[in-house]
Every structure is written in structure tokens, then in C-alpha cells.
Amino acid sequence: MNLLDITGKKALVVGAGGIGSALAAGLAQHGADVAVADRDLAVAEAAADGVRAFGCRTLARAVDVTDEASVEALASELKTFWDGVDILVNAAGVAARTPSVSVPLDKVRETLEVNTMGTFICCRVFGKEMMEHGGGKIVNISSVRASYGTRGGMADYGASKGAVDALTRQLAVEWAPQRIYVNAIAPTVVETQFTTSILGNPVAAASLIERIPMGRWAQPEDLVGPVLFFASPASDYVTGQILFVDGGLTAVV
């Protein structure tokens, strides 16, 4: 038995840029049909093109994770298209990256709305659907910033991801009897177009890389294996866990 085989499963990746695109392709490579959704339809369509390379069924849709009606409309469409979703990956996220004393409050609210409320809404909408057809796997994308501070001025992001960790554990407890297993991965800085402002700053980049024992940034593909583990039969007795994917960063004193 291949414990990482997800052939025939129906997966949805919400947040299709950077990390999400790699995760969608990784799930497709291991046998799943994968739909992708993003607030930017062009980004979702680009990720869907990567999924099609593996010959699976896919579709791309625009969604606003902060709007429950938008998420419910997506769920309804996928129920018609696939008869539901077995795997949900919540990868939508934003960050202000501004010192706490000067970050505009509207930016803080946006981060909390997208990262925390967006994850909650997607979990709730698709969790209800999973209950109807006997279970499923939910993987939330958290961050090391949920547990550890940084000099980079990311209070809004850390707070939002700390809430995602708490939500992951709570839903895992509530939904285990319905065979819905909820876990999260917590990466360090992942090298994508969204982190160029950090990695493009030599001083900040040097300070961060010095603390990573593996001596390199995470790549989006580094997250595929951990997400696949949580999405597959290999984790059928695992729920409520936050897995650090950080090159050893959180092992450093």
C-alpha cells in the first residue's frame, strides 16, 4: 500500500500564487484532481495550467475568502463538478511587513480578515460539506511567526497565524468524530515573488539566513511533502498538529 497515494481524491487549493501553485501541482502529481482558487482569477488559471500537466481534472475560480457567500458559491460549484472536496489546503495569505507602531490599522484588519477569517470561513464551509460525505483532510498554512517573533515588523502576520494555529487545534478536536482531520504546516521564509521585499534587503536577509541551520531559504516545493503527508492516508491518525517546515530554524536557541 502506498500511504502517500491520493489517486481519485478531489483537492482544492485556496490561494494559488507562489506556495499554492506548487502545492496544487504536487497534489496533482500524486494522483489527485485539483481545483485552484484565488482572488485573482489570472493567478488561479496559471496554477491550473500547472495542474493540467499531470493529466488530472481541474478548474480555476476567483474567490474572496473573506466573503462567506463567495466561498459557499465555490463549494456549490465544486459539489456539482466533483460531488464535493476531499482535501482542502488553505494557502491564501497577506502581510503588511511594517513596524507595529506605524502599520496602518486598515492593513492590520486586512491581514486578520484574509489570514484568519479567510481560513475560518473556508474551513467551515468545506468542513460542513465533508461531514456530509464521511470526512476529509484540511491543511492550513501557518508560519513560524505564529510561535516566534521577528525584528522585521510582522505583528499583524504573526497574530493572524497564531490564530490559525489555535483554529487548527480547535477544529481538529471538534471534527475528529466526523473523520475530518485538520492540521497545519508552519514554514519559515519561502522564496517567492511575495517575499522579494525581505530577501531583496541584504541586511535583513543575512540576519534571517544566519539562523537557519540548513543555510538556505525554503522553496515552494519544500512544502509539498509535508502537505501531502497531511492530505494522504499516511496521516490517518494525526490531527491538530502544527508541523514546522523551517530548515531547523525553530531548533536554534
Protein backbone atom coordinates (compact mmCIF):
# COMPACT_ATOMS: atom_id res chain seq x y z
CA MET A 1 0.00 0.00 0.00
CA ASN A 2 1.31 3.44 -0.95
CA LEU A 3 0.46 5.59 2.05
CA LEU A 4 1.05 8.78 0.08
CA ASP A 5 -1.24 7.81 -2.79
CA ILE A 6 -4.17 10.22 -3.17
CA THR A 7 -5.37 8.93 -6.53
CA GLY A 8 -9.03 9.71 -7.05
CA LYS A 9 -9.19 12.32 -4.30
CA LYS A 10 -10.60 15.77 -5.03
CA ALA A 11 -8.47 18.62 -3.70
CA LEU A 12 -8.97 22.37 -3.51
CA VAL A 13 -6.06 24.76 -3.01
CA VAL A 14 -7.20 28.23 -1.96
CA GLY A 15 -4.53 30.84 -2.62
CA ALA A 16 -2.91 29.92 -5.92
CA GLY A 17 0.15 32.14 -6.10
CA GLY A 18 3.67 31.05 -5.15
CA ILE A 19 3.24 28.40 -2.47
CA GLY A 20 -0.28 27.47 -3.56
CA SER A 21 0.74 26.83 -7.15
CA ALA A 22 3.48 24.41 -6.07
CA LEU A 23 1.14 22.62 -3.67
CA ALA A 24 -1.54 22.24 -6.33
CA ALA A 25 0.97 20.72 -8.75
CA GLY A 26 2.35 18.44 -6.04
CA LEU A 27 -1.08 17.07 -5.13
CA ALA A 28 -1.85 16.51 -8.81
CA GLN A 29 1.47 14.69 -9.30
CA HIS A 30 0.43 12.24 -6.59
CA GLY A 31 -2.92 11.42 -8.17
CA ALA A 32 -5.47 13.96 -7.01
CA ASP A 33 -7.76 16.06 -9.16
CA VAL A 34 -7.03 19.62 -8.06
CA ALA A 35 -9.07 22.81 -8.26
CA VAL A 36 -7.41 26.15 -7.54
CA ALA A 37 -8.98 29.38 -6.35
CA ASP A 38 -7.56 32.83 -5.77
CA ARG A 39 -8.90 36.35 -5.50
CA ASP A 40 -7.02 36.98 -8.77
CA LEU A 41 -8.50 34.72 -11.45
CA ALA A 42 -5.41 35.04 -13.64
CA VAL A 43 -3.27 33.64 -10.83
CA ALA A 44 -5.68 30.73 -10.36
CA GLU A 45 -5.67 29.99 -14.09
CA ALA A 46 -1.86 29.95 -14.19
CA ALA A 47 -1.80 27.43 -11.32
CA ALA A 48 -4.42 25.31 -13.08
CA ASP A 49 -2.17 25.14 -16.14
CA GLY A 50 0.50 23.55 -13.94
CA VAL A 51 -2.03 21.03 -12.63
CA ARG A 52 -3.15 20.05 -16.13
CA ALA A 53 0.39 18.95 -16.93
CA PHE A 54 -0.28 15.88 -14.79
CA GLY A 55 -3.41 14.95 -16.73
CA CYS A 56 -5.93 15.44 -13.94
CA ARG A 57 -9.24 17.28 -13.92
CA THR A 58 -9.03 20.84 -12.72
CA LEU A 59 -10.73 24.20 -12.78
CA ALA A 60 -9.73 27.70 -11.74
CA ARG A 61 -12.02 30.13 -9.99
CA ALA A 62 -11.88 33.54 -8.36
CA VAL A 63 -12.89 33.60 -4.70
CA ASP A 64 -12.91 36.13 -1.88
CA VAL A 65 -12.06 34.14 1.26
CA THR A 66 -13.31 36.95 3.49
CA ASP A 67 -16.81 36.68 1.98
CA GLU A 68 -18.71 33.58 3.09
CA ALA A 69 -21.14 33.86 0.18
CA SER A 70 -18.22 33.77 -2.27
CA VAL A 71 -16.76 30.66 -0.61
CA GLU A 72 -20.17 28.99 -0.50
CA ALA A 73 -20.64 29.66 -4.22
CA LEU A 74 -17.30 27.97 -4.89
CA ALA A 75 -18.28 24.99 -2.74
CA SER A 76 -21.58 24.67 -4.57
CA GLU A 77 -19.85 24.69 -7.94
CA LEU A 78 -17.32 22.08 -6.86
CA LYS A 79 -20.08 19.89 -5.47
CA THR A 80 -21.66 19.90 -8.92
CA PHE A 81 -18.34 19.46 -10.72
CA TRP A 82 -16.91 16.76 -8.43
CA ASP A 83 -19.56 15.86 -5.87
CA GLY A 84 -17.51 17.53 -3.17
CA VAL A 85 -13.96 18.04 -1.92
CA ASP A 86 -11.84 15.51 -0.01
CA ILE A 87 -8.80 17.71 0.62
CA LEU A 88 -8.73 21.43 1.41
CA VAL A 89 -5.49 23.42 1.51
CA ASN A 90 -5.82 26.96 2.86
CA ALA A 91 -2.87 28.89 1.40
CA ALA A 92 -4.33 32.38 0.95
CA GLY A 93 -2.40 34.99 2.91
CA VAL A 94 -1.18 38.59 3.09
CA ALA A 95 1.19 40.56 5.34
CA ALA A 96 1.90 44.25 5.93
CA ARG A 97 5.59 43.83 6.96
CA THR A 98 5.57 47.22 8.70
CA PRO A 99 6.65 48.10 12.27
CA SER A 100 3.80 47.80 14.75
CA VAL A 101 3.80 51.48 15.75
CA SER A 102 3.38 52.67 12.18
CA VAL A 103 1.42 49.99 10.33
CA PRO A 104 -1.96 51.38 9.21
CA LEU A 105 -4.82 49.71 11.03
CA ASP A 106 -6.62 49.03 7.78
CA LYS A 107 -3.65 46.86 6.76
CA VAL A 108 -3.80 45.01 10.07
CA ARG A 109 -7.52 44.39 9.59
CA GLU A 110 -6.88 43.11 6.05
CA THR A 111 -4.26 40.65 7.29
CA LEU A 112 -6.56 39.34 10.01
CA GLU A 113 -9.51 39.17 7.62
CA VAL A 114 -7.65 37.23 4.92
CA ASN A 115 -5.37 35.02 7.02
CA THR A 116 -7.59 34.28 10.00
CA MET A 117 -11.19 34.86 8.97
CA GLY A 118 -10.50 33.56 5.48
CA THR A 119 -9.12 30.31 6.87
CA PHE A 120 -12.04 30.03 9.28
CA ILE A 121 -14.64 30.62 6.58
CA CYS A 122 -13.08 28.12 4.17
CA CYS A 123 -12.75 25.51 6.92
CA ARG A 124 -16.36 25.99 7.99
CA VAL A 125 -17.89 25.92 4.52
CA PHE A 126 -15.94 22.91 3.28
CA GLY A 127 -15.95 21.23 6.69
CA LYS A 128 -19.76 21.13 6.59
CA GLU A 129 -19.58 19.55 3.16
CA MET A 130 -17.00 16.98 4.29
CA MET A 131 -19.34 15.98 7.11
CA GLU A 132 -21.98 15.13 4.52
CA HIS A 133 -19.80 12.63 2.67
CA GLY A 134 -17.91 10.97 5.51
CA GLY A 135 -14.78 13.02 6.20
CA GLY A 136 -11.79 14.73 4.67
CA LYS A 137 -8.41 16.34 5.22
CA ILE A 138 -7.79 20.05 5.85
CA VAL A 139 -4.29 21.53 5.76
CA ASN A 140 -3.84 25.13 6.85
CA ILE A 141 -0.73 27.14 6.00
CA SER A 142 0.60 28.76 9.16
CA SER A 143 4.07 30.20 9.80
CA VAL A 144 6.93 30.09 12.29
CA ARG A 145 5.80 33.65 13.04
CA ALA A 146 2.80 32.22 14.86
CA SER A 147 5.17 31.00 17.57
CA TYR A 148 8.27 33.16 17.32
CA GLY A 149 8.77 36.89 16.98
CA THR A 150 10.91 38.69 14.42
CA ARG A 151 12.66 42.03 14.14
CA GLY A 152 11.04 42.51 10.76
CA GLY A 153 7.83 44.13 11.97
CA MET A 154 5.21 41.46 11.28
CA ALA A 155 2.90 41.72 14.29
CA ASP A 156 -0.19 41.58 12.09
CA TYR A 157 1.04 38.44 10.32
CA GLY A 158 2.22 36.67 13.48
CA ALA A 159 -1.06 37.38 15.26
CA SER A 160 -3.09 36.14 12.29
CA LYS A 161 -1.11 32.90 12.03
CA GLY A 162 -1.20 32.35 15.81
CA ALA A 163 -4.98 32.39 15.44
CA VAL A 164 -4.72 29.91 12.56
CA ASP A 165 -2.79 27.52 14.84
CA ALA A 166 -5.45 27.82 17.56
CA LEU A 167 -8.21 27.33 14.99
CA THR A 168 -6.45 24.25 13.60
CA ARG A 169 -6.32 22.60 17.02
CA GLN A 170 -9.89 23.52 17.91
CA LEU A 171 -11.40 22.24 14.68
CA ALA A 172 -9.32 19.08 14.95
CA VAL A 173 -10.93 18.35 18.32
CA GLU A 174 -14.45 19.26 17.19
CA TRP A 175 -14.37 17.39 13.90
CA ALA A 176 -12.38 14.23 14.67
CA PRO A 177 -15.60 12.25 15.33
CA GLN A 178 -16.71 13.14 11.78
CA ARG A 179 -13.37 11.88 10.40
CA ILE A 180 -12.29 15.35 9.35
CA TYR A 181 -8.62 15.76 10.21
CA VAL A 182 -7.23 19.29 10.50
CA ASN A 183 -3.50 20.04 10.58
CA ALA A 184 -1.16 22.86 9.59
CA ILE A 185 2.35 23.41 8.33
CA ALA A 186 4.43 26.32 9.57
CA PRO A 187 7.19 27.31 7.15
CA THR A 188 9.86 29.94 7.53
CA VAL A 189 10.51 32.44 4.72
CA VAL A 190 9.66 30.82 1.39
CA GLU A 191 11.34 32.24 -1.69
CA THR A 192 8.51 33.51 -3.90
CA GLN A 193 7.53 36.77 -5.57
CA PHE A 194 5.78 37.69 -2.31
CA THR A 195 9.00 37.68 -0.24
CA THR A 196 11.20 39.76 -2.53
CA SER A 197 10.93 42.74 -0.18
CA ILE A 198 12.58 40.65 2.55
CA LEU A 199 15.10 38.70 0.51
CA GLY A 200 16.00 41.80 -1.50
CA ASN A 201 17.18 43.57 1.67
CA PRO A 202 20.78 42.37 2.21
CA VAL A 203 20.85 43.20 5.92
CA ALA A 204 17.51 41.57 6.71
CA ALA A 205 18.25 38.57 4.50
CA ALA A 206 21.65 37.97 6.11
CA SER A 207 20.15 38.16 9.60
CA LEU A 208 17.46 35.62 8.73
CA ILE A 209 19.58 33.14 6.81
CA GLU A 210 22.16 33.07 9.61
CA ARG A 211 19.57 31.47 11.90
CA ILE A 212 18.59 28.68 9.51
CA PRO A 213 20.83 25.64 10.13
CA MET A 214 20.30 24.32 6.59
CA GLY A 215 21.67 27.61 5.28
CA ARG A 216 19.07 28.26 2.58
CA TRP A 217 15.60 29.66 2.07
CA ALA A 218 12.62 27.39 1.75
CA GLN A 219 11.40 26.80 -1.78
CA PRO A 220 7.69 26.26 -2.51
CA GLU A 221 8.47 22.64 -3.43
CA ASP A 222 9.82 22.05 0.10
CA LEU A 223 6.25 22.32 1.38
CA VAL A 224 4.76 19.71 -0.94
CA GLY A 225 5.87 16.65 1.05
CA PRO A 226 4.52 17.88 4.42
CA VAL A 227 1.19 18.89 2.85
CA LEU A 228 0.98 15.56 1.00
CA PHE A 229 1.56 13.74 4.30
CA PHE A 230 -1.35 15.54 5.95
CA ALA A 231 -3.56 15.07 2.86
CA SER A 232 -2.87 11.35 2.45
CA PRO A 233 -3.63 8.09 4.30
CA ALA A 234 -0.16 8.36 5.87
CA SER A 235 -1.64 10.77 8.44
CA ASP A 236 -4.91 8.99 9.17
CA TYR A 237 -4.16 9.01 12.92
CA VAL A 238 -2.81 12.57 13.03
CA THR A 239 -4.90 15.67 13.71
CA GLY A 240 -4.49 19.04 15.41
CA GLN A 241 -0.75 19.23 14.68
CA ILE A 242 1.41 22.14 13.54
CA LEU A 243 4.44 20.91 11.59
CA PHE A 244 7.41 23.30 11.32
CA VAL A 245 8.96 23.29 7.85
CA ASP A 246 11.82 25.66 8.56
CA GLY A 247 15.25 24.19 7.83
CA GLY A 248 15.84 23.83 11.57
CA LEU A 249 15.13 27.47 12.43
CA THR A 250 12.95 26.73 15.45
CA ALA A 251 15.57 24.32 16.85
CA VAL A 252 18.02 27.20 17.31
CA VAL A 253 18.26 28.65 20.81
